Protein backbone atom coordinates (compact mmCIF):
# COMPACT_ATOMS: atom_id res chain seq x y z
CA MET A 1 0.00 0.00 0.00
CA ALA A 2 1.34 3.42 -0.98
CA VAL A 3 0.06 6.97 -0.59
CA THR A 4 -0.35 7.14 -4.37
CA ASP A 5 -3.09 4.52 -4.01
CA PHE A 6 -5.16 7.23 -2.30
CA LEU A 7 -3.76 10.57 -3.50
CA ALA A 8 -3.13 11.97 -6.97
CA ALA A 9 0.52 12.06 -8.03
CA SER A 10 0.03 15.59 -9.37
CA ASP A 11 -1.24 16.82 -5.97
CA ILE A 12 1.67 15.12 -4.21
CA ALA A 13 4.17 16.76 -6.58
CA LEU A 14 2.56 20.17 -6.04
CA ALA A 15 2.71 19.79 -2.25
CA ILE A 16 6.33 18.55 -2.27
CA ASN A 17 7.42 21.39 -4.57
CA ALA A 18 5.79 23.94 -2.26
CA CYS A 19 8.10 22.97 0.61
CA THR A 20 11.47 22.28 -0.96
CA ALA A 21 13.18 25.10 0.94
CA LYS A 22 14.28 24.42 4.51
CA ASP A 23 11.74 25.50 7.13
CA SER A 24 9.02 26.04 4.51
CA PHE A 25 6.89 23.02 5.51
CA SER A 26 3.42 23.68 6.93
CA PRO A 27 1.58 20.51 7.99
CA LYS A 28 -1.91 21.87 7.38
CA MET A 29 -1.01 23.38 4.00
CA PHE A 30 0.70 20.18 2.92
CA LEU A 31 -2.22 17.97 3.98
CA LYS A 32 -4.64 20.25 2.15
CA THR A 33 -2.52 20.44 -1.01
CA VAL A 34 -2.08 16.66 -1.31
CA GLY A 35 -5.86 16.33 -1.03
CA LEU A 36 -5.92 14.45 2.24
CA SER A 37 -8.41 16.88 3.78
CA LYS A 38 -10.98 15.70 1.20
CA LYS A 39 -10.61 12.02 2.13
CA ASN A 40 -12.98 9.98 4.29
CA THR A 41 -12.12 8.48 7.68
CA THR A 42 -11.18 5.09 6.22
CA GLU A 43 -8.75 6.62 3.71
CA ILE A 44 -7.21 8.86 6.40
CA LYS A 45 -6.67 5.77 8.56
CA ARG A 46 -4.95 3.98 5.67
CA ILE A 47 -2.61 6.93 5.11
CA PHE A 48 -1.90 7.01 8.86
CA THR A 49 -0.97 3.31 8.71
CA ILE A 50 1.56 4.07 5.96
CA LEU A 51 3.05 6.97 7.93
CA ASP A 52 3.29 4.87 11.11
CA GLN A 53 6.28 2.98 9.77
CA ASP A 54 7.06 1.02 12.94
CA LYS A 55 3.36 0.07 13.37
CA SER A 56 3.31 1.37 16.96
CA GLY A 57 -0.07 3.05 16.52
CA PHE A 58 1.58 6.47 16.62
CA ILE A 59 3.61 8.72 14.37
CA GLU A 60 6.67 9.57 16.45
CA GLN A 61 9.27 12.28 15.98
CA ASP A 62 11.64 10.17 13.88
CA GLU A 63 8.77 9.23 11.56
CA LEU A 64 7.70 12.88 11.32
CA GLN A 65 11.21 13.86 10.27
CA LEU A 66 10.87 11.53 7.27
CA PHE A 67 7.24 12.50 6.62
CA LEU A 68 7.76 13.99 3.12
CA GLN A 69 9.66 10.91 1.96
CA ASN A 70 6.50 8.84 2.43
CA PHE A 71 5.00 10.91 -0.36
CA SER A 72 8.07 11.20 -2.60
CA LYS A 73 11.26 9.15 -2.19
CA GLY A 74 13.50 12.05 -3.21
CA ALA A 75 11.92 14.54 -0.81
CA ARG A 76 14.00 16.16 1.87
CA PRO A 77 13.75 15.31 5.58
CA LEU A 78 11.99 17.86 7.75
CA THR A 79 14.23 20.15 9.77
CA ALA A 80 14.22 19.90 13.57
CA ALA A 81 12.11 23.08 13.75
CA GLU A 82 9.60 21.74 11.21
CA THR A 83 9.37 18.43 13.05
CA ARG A 84 8.75 20.20 16.39
CA GLY A 85 6.14 22.43 14.76
CA PHE A 86 4.39 19.44 13.22
CA LEU A 87 4.35 17.70 16.58
CA LEU A 88 2.98 20.79 18.31
CA GLN A 89 0.14 21.06 15.78
CA GLY A 90 -0.76 17.38 15.81
CA ASP A 91 -0.05 16.17 19.35
CA SER A 92 -3.13 17.42 21.21
CA ASP A 93 -2.61 15.29 24.33
CA GLY A 94 1.06 16.24 24.77
CA ASP A 95 2.47 12.68 24.83
CA GLY A 96 5.14 13.47 22.22
CA LYS A 97 3.56 11.50 19.39
CA ILE A 98 0.57 11.68 17.06
CA GLY A 99 -2.11 9.02 17.30
CA LEU A 100 -4.78 8.23 14.71
CA GLU A 101 -7.42 10.47 16.29
CA GLU A 102 -4.96 13.35 16.51
CA PHE A 103 -3.87 12.84 12.91
CA SER A 104 -7.49 12.72 11.75
CA ALA A 105 -8.27 15.93 13.62
CA LEU A 106 -5.22 17.65 12.07
CA VAL A 107 -6.24 16.49 8.59
CA LYS A 108 -9.82 17.65 9.03
CA SER A 109 -8.68 21.07 10.30
CA SER A 110 -6.52 21.65 7.20
């Protein structure tokens, strides 16, 4: 299963190109641009499963750092500041990781 099974390659390319410069990544803008905000709960869960690479049930900081590479293999890693910002926006319970419900809420707010 790959994100391209659920999202258009052209939308992914547009979103990746919009954040090629360091510290230019905005989680909500990215999620909106790739079209994830238009997806239903089942599709959001499937994307979450892809992003949760260690299958822990959470997207942790190391997985967030490699977030863009889940969408495009040649994409850059997120900077430390971008990763912290992403975590701050998505981690509503303050446990240092993003669960499915938190990810869904972030997607729906984008």
